[in-house]
PDB file of N, CA and C in Angstrom:
ATOM      1  N   UNK A   1     -19.689 -46.119 -36.582  1.00  0.00           N
ATOM      2  CA  UNK A   1     -20.645 -46.390 -35.338  1.00  0.00           C
ATOM      3  C   UNK A   1     -19.937 -46.668 -33.823  1.00  0.00           C
ATOM      4  N   UNK A   2     -19.860 -47.727 -34.199  1.00  0.00           N
ATOM      5  CA  UNK A   2     -18.595 -48.198 -32.910  1.00  0.00           C
ATOM      6  C   UNK A   2     -17.309 -47.536 -32.474  1.00  0.00           C
ATOM      7  N   UNK A   3     -16.938 -47.177 -33.487  1.00  0.00           N
ATOM      8  CA  UNK A   3     -15.707 -46.459 -33.461  1.00  0.00           C
ATOM      9  C   UNK A   3     -15.967 -45.268 -32.841  1.00  0.00           C
ATOM     10  N   UNK A   4     -16.817 -44.629 -33.102  1.00  0.00           N
ATOM     11  CA  UNK A   4     -16.970 -43.382 -32.463  1.00  0.00           C
ATOM     12  C   UNK A   4     -17.486 -43.690 -30.777  1.00  0.00           C
ATOM     13  N   UNK A   5     -18.086 -44.769 -30.496  1.00  0.00           N
ATOM     14  CA  UNK A   5     -18.496 -44.878 -29.181  1.00  0.00           C
ATOM     15  C   UNK A   5     -17.065 -45.196 -28.351  1.00  0.00           C
ATOM     16  N   UNK A   6     -15.956 -45.840 -29.417  1.00  0.00           N
ATOM     17  CA  UNK A   6     -14.863 -46.320 -28.297  1.00  0.00           C
ATOM     18  C   UNK A   6     -14.039 -45.015 -28.273  1.00  0.00           C
ATOM     19  N   UNK A   7     -14.185 -43.902 -29.387  1.00  0.00           N
ATOM     20  CA  UNK A   7     -13.217 -42.880 -29.504  1.00  0.00           C
ATOM     21  C   UNK A   7     -14.166 -41.777 -28.024  1.00  0.00           C
ATOM     22  N   UNK A   8     -14.899 -41.951 -28.081  1.00  0.00           N
ATOM     23  CA  UNK A   8     -15.912 -41.092 -27.258  1.00  0.00           C
ATOM     24  C   UNK A   8     -15.204 -41.602 -25.933  1.00  0.00           C
ATOM     25  N   UNK A   9     -15.591 -43.010 -25.291  1.00  0.00           N
ATOM     26  CA  UNK A   9     -15.133 -43.476 -24.283  1.00  0.00           C
ATOM     27  C   UNK A   9     -13.507 -43.633 -23.877  1.00  0.00           C
ATOM     28  N   UNK A  10     -12.587 -43.609 -24.883  1.00  0.00           N
ATOM     29  CA  UNK A  10     -10.900 -43.160 -24.899  1.00  0.00           C
ATOM     30  C   UNK A  10     -10.736 -41.956 -24.455  1.00  0.00           C
ATOM     31  N   UNK A  11     -11.735 -40.832 -24.958  1.00  0.00           N
ATOM     32  CA  UNK A  11     -11.313 -39.588 -24.447  1.00  0.00           C
ATOM     33  C   UNK A  11     -12.036 -39.228 -22.988  1.00  0.00           C
ATOM     34  N   UNK A  12     -12.996 -39.835 -22.588  1.00  0.00           N
ATOM     35  CA  UNK A  12     -13.231 -39.638 -21.183  1.00  0.00           C
ATOM     36  C   UNK A  12     -12.129 -40.244 -20.294  1.00  0.00           C
ATOM     37  N   UNK A  13     -11.627 -41.459 -20.554  1.00  0.00           N
ATOM     38  CA  UNK A  13     -10.805 -42.200 -19.754  1.00  0.00           C
ATOM     39  C   UNK A  13      -9.422 -41.368 -19.346  1.00  0.00           C
ATOM     40  N   UNK A  14      -9.283 -40.639 -20.985  1.00  0.00           N
ATOM     41  CA  UNK A  14      -7.986 -40.105 -20.822  1.00  0.00           C
ATOM     42  C   UNK A  14      -8.585 -38.952 -19.824  1.00  0.00           C
ATOM     43  N   UNK A  15      -9.689 -37.922 -20.181  1.00  0.00           N
ATOM     44  CA  UNK A  15      -9.681 -37.043 -19.092  1.00  0.00           C
ATOM     45  C   UNK A  15      -9.725 -37.444 -17.689  1.00  0.00           C
ATOM     46  N   UNK A  16     -10.144 -38.498 -17.244  1.00  0.00           N
ATOM     47  CA  UNK A  16     -10.225 -38.899 -15.760  1.00  0.00           C
ATOM     48  C   UNK A  16      -8.973 -38.954 -15.295  1.00  0.00           C
ATOM     49  N   UNK A  17      -8.448 -39.376 -16.119  1.00  0.00           N
ATOM     50  CA  UNK A  17      -6.454 -40.068 -15.986  1.00  0.00           C
ATOM     51  C   UNK A  17      -6.094 -38.465 -15.715  1.00  0.00           C
ATOM     52  N   UNK A  18      -6.467 -37.929 -16.643  1.00  0.00           N
ATOM     53  CA  UNK A  18      -5.799 -36.023 -16.585  1.00  0.00           C
ATOM     54  C   UNK A  18      -6.015 -35.525 -15.055  1.00  0.00           C
ATOM     55  N   UNK A  19      -7.485 -35.603 -14.759  1.00  0.00           N
ATOM     56  CA  UNK A  19      -7.820 -35.017 -13.786  1.00  0.00           C
ATOM     57  C   UNK A  19      -6.960 -35.562 -12.864  1.00  0.00           C
ATOM     58  N   UNK A  20      -7.241 -36.916 -12.292  1.00  0.00           N
ATOM     59  CA  UNK A  20      -6.371 -37.235 -11.394  1.00  0.00           C
ATOM     60  C   UNK A  20      -5.021 -37.063 -11.342  1.00  0.00           C
ATOM     61  N   UNK A  21      -4.494 -36.858 -12.451  1.00  0.00           N
ATOM     62  CA  UNK A  21      -2.868 -36.633 -12.318  1.00  0.00           C
ATOM     63  C   UNK A  21      -2.930 -35.094 -11.859  1.00  0.00           C
ATOM     64  N   UNK A  22      -3.702 -34.375 -11.845  1.00  0.00           N
ATOM     65  CA  UNK A  22      -3.658 -32.860 -11.895  1.00  0.00           C
ATOM     66  C   UNK A  22      -3.980 -33.114  -9.659  1.00  0.00           C
ATOM     67  N   UNK A  23      -4.771 -33.999  -9.628  1.00  0.00           N
ATOM     68  CA  UNK A  23      -5.363 -33.961  -8.045  1.00  0.00           C
ATOM     69  C   UNK A  23      -3.922 -34.550  -7.503  1.00  0.00           C
ATOM     70  N   UNK A  24      -2.841 -35.540  -7.765  1.00  0.00           N
ATOM     71  CA  UNK A  24      -2.145 -36.066  -7.064  1.00  0.00           C
ATOM     72  C   UNK A  24      -1.074 -34.790  -7.368  1.00  0.00           C
ATOM     73  N   UNK A  25      -0.743 -33.952  -8.025  1.00  0.00           N
ATOM     74  CA  UNK A  25       0.216 -32.946  -7.922  1.00  0.00           C
ATOM     75  C   UNK A  25      -0.464 -31.765  -7.435  1.00  0.00           C
ATOM     76  N   UNK A  26      -1.586 -31.447  -6.998  1.00  0.00           N
ATOM     77  CA  UNK A  26      -2.144 -30.626  -5.940  1.00  0.00           C
ATOM     78  C   UNK A  26      -1.754 -31.552  -4.374  1.00  0.00           C
ATOM     79  N   UNK A  27      -1.799 -32.618  -4.180  1.00  0.00           N
ATOM     80  CA  UNK A  27      -2.323 -33.037  -3.097  1.00  0.00           C
ATOM     81  C   UNK A  27      -0.506 -33.193  -2.844  1.00  0.00           C
ATOM     82  N   UNK A  28       0.444 -33.302  -3.400  1.00  0.00           N
ATOM     83  CA  UNK A  28       2.025 -33.453  -3.434  1.00  0.00           C
ATOM     84  C   UNK A  28       2.459 -32.102  -3.126  1.00  0.00           C
ATOM     85  N   UNK A  29       1.928 -30.852  -3.802  1.00  0.00           N
ATOM     86  CA  UNK A  29       2.213 -29.945  -3.465  1.00  0.00           C
ATOM     87  C   UNK A  29       1.525 -28.827  -1.905  1.00  0.00           C
ATOM     88  N   UNK A  30       0.587 -29.498  -1.640  1.00  0.00           N
ATOM     89  CA  UNK A  30      -0.118 -29.140  -0.269  1.00  0.00           C
ATOM     90  C   UNK A  30       0.236 -29.631   0.650  1.00  0.00           C
ATOM     91  N   UNK A  31       1.099 -30.663   0.511  1.00  0.00           N
ATOM     92  CA  UNK A  31       2.168 -31.395   1.534  1.00  0.00           C
ATOM     93  C   UNK A  31       3.172 -30.893   1.871  1.00  0.00           C
ATOM     94  N   UNK A  32       3.731 -30.046   1.125  1.00  0.00           N
ATOM     95  CA  UNK A  32       4.962 -29.300   1.575  1.00  0.00           C
ATOM     96  C   UNK A  32       4.530 -28.168   2.357  1.00  0.00           C
ATOM     97  N   UNK A  33       3.198 -27.582   2.497  1.00  0.00           N
ATOM     98  CA  UNK A  33       2.835 -26.299   3.229  1.00  0.00           C
ATOM     99  C   UNK A  33       2.190 -26.958   4.635  1.00  0.00           C
ATOM    100  N   UNK A  34       2.108 -28.135   4.496  1.00  0.00           N
ATOM    101  CA  UNK A  34       0.990 -28.505   5.610  1.00  0.00           C
ATOM    102  C   UNK A  34      -0.308 -27.344   6.339  1.00  0.00           C
ATOM    103  N   UNK A  35      -1.427 -28.093   5.211  1.00  0.00           N
ATOM    104  CA  UNK A  35      -2.461 -27.049   5.297  1.00  0.00           C
ATOM    105  C   UNK A  35      -3.380 -27.589   6.482  1.00  0.00           C
ATOM    106  N   UNK A  36      -4.558 -26.910   6.908  1.00  0.00           N
ATOM    107  CA  UNK A  36      -5.120 -27.176   7.913  1.00  0.00           C
ATOM    108  C   UNK A  36      -5.959 -28.607   7.387  1.00  0.00           C
ATOM    109  N   UNK A  37      -5.654 -29.969   8.438  1.00  0.00           N
ATOM    110  CA  UNK A  37      -6.153 -31.116   8.112  1.00  0.00           C
ATOM    111  C   UNK A  37      -7.455 -31.235   8.041  1.00  0.00           C
ATOM    112  N   UNK A  38      -8.753 -30.234   8.660  1.00  0.00           N
ATOM    113  CA  UNK A  38      -9.660 -30.485   8.616  1.00  0.00           C
ATOM    114  C   UNK A  38     -10.473 -29.863   7.496  1.00  0.00           C
ATOM    115  N   UNK A  39      -9.700 -29.354   6.949  1.00  0.00           N
ATOM    116  CA  UNK A  39     -10.205 -28.414   5.406  1.00  0.00           C
ATOM    117  C   UNK A  39     -10.938 -29.554   4.781  1.00  0.00           C
ATOM    118  N   UNK A  40     -12.461 -29.289   4.189  1.00  0.00           N
ATOM    119  CA  UNK A  40     -12.574 -30.301   3.489  1.00  0.00           C
ATOM    120  C   UNK A  40     -11.831 -30.865   2.103  1.00  0.00           C
ATOM    121  N   UNK A  41     -11.558 -29.570   1.318  1.00  0.00           N
ATOM    122  CA  UNK A  41     -10.876 -30.146   0.477  1.00  0.00           C
ATOM    123  C   UNK A  41      -9.640 -31.020   0.491  1.00  0.00           C
ATOM    124  N   UNK A  42      -8.891 -30.191   1.153  1.00  0.00           N
ATOM    125  CA  UNK A  42      -7.498 -31.487   2.174  1.00  0.00           C
ATOM    126  C   UNK A  42      -7.702 -32.810   2.295  1.00  0.00           C
ATOM    127  N   UNK A  43      -8.937 -32.630   2.656  1.00  0.00           N
ATOM    128  CA  UNK A  43      -9.638 -34.212   3.000  1.00  0.00           C
ATOM    129  C   UNK A  43     -10.293 -35.149   1.830  1.00  0.00           C
ATOM    130  N   UNK A  44     -10.786 -34.294   0.935  1.00  0.00           N
ATOM    131  CA  UNK A  44     -10.968 -35.082  -0.173  1.00  0.00           C
ATOM    132  C   UNK A  44      -9.658 -35.428  -0.941  1.00  0.00           C
ATOM    133  N   UNK A  45      -9.021 -34.313  -1.142  1.00  0.00           N
ATOM    134  CA  UNK A  45      -7.351 -34.510  -2.206  1.00  0.00           C
ATOM    135  C   UNK A  45      -6.913 -35.927  -0.970  1.00  0.00           C
ATOM    136  N   UNK A  46      -6.785 -35.910  -0.138  1.00  0.00           N
ATOM    137  CA  UNK A  46      -5.784 -36.968   1.019  1.00  0.00           C
ATOM    138  C   UNK A  46      -6.906 -38.207   0.558  1.00  0.00           C
ATOM    139  N   UNK A  47      -8.328 -38.336   0.795  1.00  0.00           N
ATOM    140  CA  UNK A  47      -9.051 -39.319   0.157  1.00  0.00           C
ATOM    141  C   UNK A  47      -8.699 -40.188  -1.081  1.00  0.00           C
ATOM    142  N   UNK A  48      -8.844 -39.261  -1.998  1.00  0.00           N
ATOM    143  CA  UNK A  48      -8.181 -39.440  -3.299  1.00  0.00           C
ATOM    144  C   UNK A  48      -6.807 -40.442  -3.759  1.00  0.00           C
ATOM    145  N   UNK A  49      -6.010 -39.812  -3.228  1.00  0.00           N
ATOM    146  CA  UNK A  49      -4.753 -39.981  -3.578  1.00  0.00           C
ATOM    147  C   UNK A  49      -3.981 -41.047  -2.514  1.00  0.00           C
ATOM    148  N   UNK A  50      -4.446 -40.896  -1.535  1.00  0.00           N
ATOM    149  CA  UNK A  50      -3.929 -42.150  -0.303  1.00  0.00           C
ATOM    150  C   UNK A  50      -3.822 -43.166  -0.739  1.00  0.00           C
ATOM    151  N   UNK A  51      -4.760 -44.037  -0.993  1.00  0.00           N
ATOM    152  CA  UNK A  51      -5.063 -45.356  -1.526  1.00  0.00           C
ATOM    153  C   UNK A  51      -3.725 -45.862  -2.713  1.00  0.00           C
ATOM    154  N   UNK A  52      -3.852 -44.644  -3.855  1.00  0.00           N
ATOM    155  CA  UNK A  52      -2.873 -45.019  -4.592  1.00  0.00           C
ATOM    156  C   UNK A  52      -1.430 -44.979  -4.056  1.00  0.00           C
ATOM    157  N   UNK A  53      -1.349 -43.941  -3.174  1.00  0.00           N
ATOM    158  CA  UNK A  53       0.236 -43.790  -2.754  1.00  0.00           C
ATOM    159  C   UNK A  53       0.401 -45.069  -1.880  1.00  0.00           C
ATOM    160  N   UNK A  54      -0.895 -45.783  -0.969  1.00  0.00           N
ATOM    161  CA  UNK A  54      -0.598 -46.918  -0.557  1.00  0.00           C
ATOM    162  C   UNK A  54      -0.201 -48.168  -1.028  1.00  0.00           C
ATOM    163  N   UNK A  55      -0.777 -48.204  -2.049  1.00  0.00           N
ATOM    164  CA  UNK A  55      -0.498 -49.626  -3.169  1.00  0.00           C
ATOM    165  C   UNK A  55       1.000 -49.218  -3.290  1.00  0.00           C
ATOM    166  N   UNK A  56       1.295 -48.516  -4.108  1.00  0.00           N
ATOM    167  CA  UNK A  56       2.815 -47.909  -4.418  1.00  0.00           C
ATOM    168  C   UNK A  56       3.639 -48.609  -3.521  1.00  0.00           C
ATOM    169  N   UNK A  57       3.404 -47.700  -2.226  1.00  0.00           N
ATOM    170  CA  UNK A  57       4.251 -47.888  -1.149  1.00  0.00           C
ATOM    171  C   UNK A  57       4.328 -49.226  -0.838  1.00  0.00           C
ATOM    172  N   UNK A  58       3.763 -50.264  -0.815  1.00  0.00           N
ATOM    173  CA  UNK A  58       3.343 -51.316  -0.340  1.00  0.00           C
ATOM    174  C   UNK A  58       4.229 -52.267  -1.200  1.00  0.00           C
ATOM    175  N   UNK A  59       4.582 -52.122  -2.971  1.00  0.00           N
ATOM    176  CA  UNK A  59       5.276 -52.302  -3.790  1.00  0.00           C
ATOM    177  C   UNK A  59       6.674 -52.295  -3.492  1.00  0.00           C
ATOM    178  N   UNK A  60       6.918 -51.060  -3.265  1.00  0.00           N
ATOM    179  CA  UNK A  60       8.363 -50.952  -3.386  1.00  0.00           C
ATOM    180  C   UNK A  60       8.772 -49.683  -2.271  1.00  0.00           C
ATOM    181  N   UNK A  61       9.648 -49.470  -1.983  1.00  0.00           N
ATOM    182  CA  UNK A  61      10.327 -48.131  -0.835  1.00  0.00           C
ATOM    183  C   UNK A  61      10.321 -46.856  -1.953  1.00  0.00           C
ATOM    184  N   UNK A  62       9.363 -46.103  -1.455  1.00  0.00           N
ATOM    185  CA  UNK A  62       9.153 -44.812  -1.978  1.00  0.00           C
ATOM    186  C   UNK A  62       9.856 -43.681  -0.959  1.00  0.00           C
ATOM    187  N   UNK A  63      10.536 -43.742   0.183  1.00  0.00           N
ATOM    188  CA  UNK A  63      10.931 -42.495   0.789  1.00  0.00           C
ATOM    189  C   UNK A  63      12.340 -42.753   0.660  1.00  0.00           C
ATOM    190  N   UNK A  64      13.179 -41.736   0.265  1.00  0.00           N
ATOM    191  CA  UNK A  64      14.531 -41.144  -0.245  1.00  0.00           C
ATOM    192  C   UNK A  64      14.929 -40.116   0.241  1.00  0.00           C
ATOM    193  N   UNK A  65      15.718 -40.230   1.480  1.00  0.00           N
ATOM    194  CA  UNK A  65      16.720 -39.288   1.798  1.00  0.00           C
ATOM    195  C   UNK A  65      15.459 -38.125   2.654  1.00  0.00           C
ATOM    196  N   UNK A  66      14.267 -38.879   3.040  1.00  0.00           N
ATOM    197  CA  UNK A  66      13.026 -38.205   3.604  1.00  0.00           C
ATOM    198  C   UNK A  66      12.206 -37.425   2.319  1.00  0.00           C
ATOM    199  N   UNK A  67      12.299 -37.905   1.397  1.00  0.00           N
ATOM    200  CA  UNK A  67      11.379 -37.369   0.303  1.00  0.00           C
ATOM    201  C   UNK A  67      10.565 -38.559  -0.052  1.00  0.00           C
ATOM    202  N   UNK A  68       9.486 -38.562  -0.093  1.00  0.00           N
ATOM    203  CA  UNK A  68       8.407 -39.764  -0.454  1.00  0.00           C
ATOM    204  C   UNK A  68       8.474 -39.356  -2.070  1.00  0.00           C
ATOM    205  N   UNK A  69       8.356 -40.338  -2.753  1.00  0.00           N
ATOM    206  CA  UNK A  69       8.444 -40.231  -4.225  1.00  0.00           C
ATOM    207  C   UNK A  69       7.701 -41.043  -5.174  1.00  0.00           C
ATOM    208  N   UNK A  70       6.618 -41.264  -4.079  1.00  0.00           N
ATOM    209  CA  UNK A  70       5.298 -41.936  -4.584  1.00  0.00           C
ATOM    210  C   UNK A  70       4.499 -41.070  -5.425  1.00  0.00           C
ATOM    211  N   UNK A  71       4.094 -39.907  -5.242  1.00  0.00           N
ATOM    212  CA  UNK A  71       3.598 -39.069  -5.984  1.00  0.00           C
ATOM    213  C   UNK A  71       4.105 -39.102  -7.043  1.00  0.00           C
ATOM    214  N   UNK A  72       5.743 -39.077  -7.607  1.00  0.00           N
ATOM    215  CA  UNK A  72       6.222 -38.935  -8.686  1.00  0.00           C
ATOM    216  C   UNK A  72       6.168 -40.437  -9.367  1.00  0.00           C
ATOM    217  N   UNK A  73       5.756 -41.929  -8.772  1.00  0.00           N
ATOM    218  CA  UNK A  73       6.068 -42.771  -9.474  1.00  0.00           C
ATOM    219  C   UNK A  73       4.304 -42.829  -9.653  1.00  0.00           C
ATOM    220  N   UNK A  74       3.307 -42.198  -9.315  1.00  0.00           N
ATOM    221  CA  UNK A  74       2.114 -42.568  -9.290  1.00  0.00           C
ATOM    222  C   UNK A  74       1.898 -41.565 -10.859  1.00  0.00           C
ATOM    223  N   UNK A  75       2.415 -40.397 -11.037  1.00  0.00           N
ATOM    224  CA  UNK A  75       1.738 -39.581 -12.110  1.00  0.00           C
ATOM    225  C   UNK A  75       2.924 -40.357 -13.248  1.00  0.00           C
ATOM    226  N   UNK A  76       4.087 -40.627 -13.321  1.00  0.00           N
ATOM    227  CA  UNK A  76       4.811 -41.701 -14.330  1.00  0.00           C
ATOM    228  C   UNK A  76       3.923 -42.830 -14.734  1.00  0.00           C
ATOM    229  N   UNK A  77       3.388 -43.625 -13.881  1.00  0.00           N
ATOM    230  CA  UNK A  77       2.622 -44.672 -14.210  1.00  0.00           C
ATOM    231  C   UNK A  77       1.150 -44.244 -14.802  1.00  0.00           C
ATOM    232  N   UNK A  78       0.475 -43.215 -14.330  1.00  0.00           N
ATOM    233  CA  UNK A  78      -0.487 -42.746 -14.948  1.00  0.00           C
ATOM    234  C   UNK A  78      -0.271 -42.606 -16.310  1.00  0.00           C
ATOM    235  N   UNK A  79       0.773 -41.769 -16.543  1.00  0.00           N
ATOM    236  CA  UNK A  79       1.015 -41.376 -18.310  1.00  0.00           C
ATOM    237  C   UNK A  79       1.195 -42.286 -18.481  1.00  0.00           C
ATOM    238  N   UNK A  80       2.114 -43.437 -18.419  1.00  0.00           N
ATOM    239  CA  UNK A  80       2.351 -44.555 -19.481  1.00  0.00           C
ATOM    240  C   UNK A  80       1.076 -45.646 -19.781  1.00  0.00           C
ATOM    241  N   UNK A  81      -0.130 -45.526 -18.468  1.00  0.00           N
ATOM    242  CA  UNK A  81      -0.946 -45.780 -18.835  1.00  0.00           C
ATOM    243  C   UNK A  81      -2.241 -45.176 -19.734  1.00  0.00           C
ATOM    244  N   UNK A  82      -1.920 -43.837 -19.514  1.00  0.00           N
ATOM    245  CA  UNK A  82      -2.741 -43.264 -20.863  1.00  0.00           C
ATOM    246  C   UNK A  82      -2.252 -43.734 -22.093  1.00  0.00           C
ATOM    247  N   UNK A  83      -1.093 -43.179 -22.508  1.00  0.00           N
ATOM    248  CA  UNK A  83      -0.369 -43.618 -23.602  1.00  0.00           C
ATOM    249  C   UNK A  83      -0.528 -44.897 -23.997  1.00  0.00           C
ATOM    250  N   UNK A  84      -0.092 -46.078 -23.296  1.00  0.00           N
ATOM    251  CA  UNK A  84      -0.995 -47.434 -23.688  1.00  0.00           C
ATOM    252  C   UNK A  84      -2.764 -46.973 -24.491  1.00  0.00           C
ATOM    253  N   UNK A  85      -3.692 -46.730 -23.324  1.00  0.00           N
ATOM    254  CA  UNK A  85      -5.015 -46.747 -23.585  1.00  0.00           C
ATOM    255  C   UNK A  85      -5.202 -45.701 -24.834  1.00  0.00           C
ATOM    256  N   UNK A  86      -4.440 -44.980 -25.173  1.00  0.00           N
ATOM    257  CA  UNK A  86      -4.589 -43.838 -26.196  1.00  0.00           C
ATOM    258  C   UNK A  86      -4.430 -44.858 -27.314  1.00  0.00           C
ATOM    259  N   UNK A  87      -2.776 -45.610 -27.692  1.00  0.00           N
ATOM    260  CA  UNK A  87      -2.713 -46.308 -28.518  1.00  0.00           C
ATOM    261  C   UNK A  87      -3.714 -47.582 -28.986  1.00  0.00           C
ATOM    262  N   UNK A  88      -3.621 -48.325 -27.939  1.00  0.00           N
ATOM    263  CA  UNK A  88      -4.951 -49.183 -28.284  1.00  0.00           C
ATOM    264  C   UNK A  88      -6.467 -48.650 -28.926  1.00  0.00           C
ATOM    265  N   UNK A  89      -6.797 -47.226 -28.095  1.00  0.00           N
ATOM    266  CA  UNK A  89      -8.153 -46.848 -28.596  1.00  0.00           C
ATOM    267  C   UNK A  89      -7.929 -46.665 -30.301  1.00  0.00           C
ATOM    268  N   UNK A  90      -6.582 -45.918 -30.436  1.00  0.00           N
ATOM    269  CA  UNK A  90      -6.435 -45.595 -31.911  1.00  0.00           C
ATOM    270  C   UNK A  90      -6.177 -46.947 -32.872  1.00  0.00           C
ATOM    271  N   UNK A  91      -5.744 -47.674 -32.333  1.00  0.00           N
ATOM    272  CA  UNK A  91      -5.630 -49.069 -33.316  1.00  0.00           C
ATOM    273  C   UNK A  91      -7.125 -49.818 -33.565  1.00  0.00           C
ATOM    274  N   UNK A  92      -7.756 -49.556 -32.461  1.00  0.00           N
ATOM    275  CA  UNK A  92      -8.967 -49.718 -32.844  1.00  0.00           C
ATOM    276  C   UNK A  92      -9.832 -49.333 -33.688  1.00  0.00           C
ATOM    277  N   UNK A  93      -9.939 -47.682 -33.648  1.00  0.00           N
ATOM    278  CA  UNK A  93     -10.940 -47.067 -34.552  1.00  0.00           C
ATOM    279  C   UNK A  93     -10.264 -46.710 -35.497  1.00  0.00           C
ATOM    280  N   UNK A  94      -8.858 -46.968 -36.160  1.00  0.00           N
ATOM    281  CA  UNK A  94      -8.297 -47.360 -37.442  1.00  0.00           C
ATOM    282  C   UNK A  94      -8.571 -48.529 -38.177  1.00  0.00           C
ATOM    283  N   UNK A  95      -8.707 -49.290 -37.281  1.00  0.00           N
ATOM    284  CA  UNK A  95      -8.661 -50.583 -38.050  1.00  0.00           C
ATOM    285  C   UNK A  95     -10.470 -50.910 -38.176  1.00  0.00           C
TER     286      UNK A  95
END
């Protein structure tokens, strides 16, 4: 019973991380085309991604030759966290 609950919560966390990774990708693509900053969708994506970018930018320089690498660093970090959590949850369910 408990294994099913843990597995279900792990699936929810995995889905949320995957959705946030897609939001970061969409935000990075939108930064190339300079959309209308007053568009509600653009504002939501900016509000969702900018706090994470600010955290990464405080820890390390992310701009190299005019290219901001914060989205790439964030995506790689989220994928690492996702893999670690999945392995921890699988280990809990198996034992």
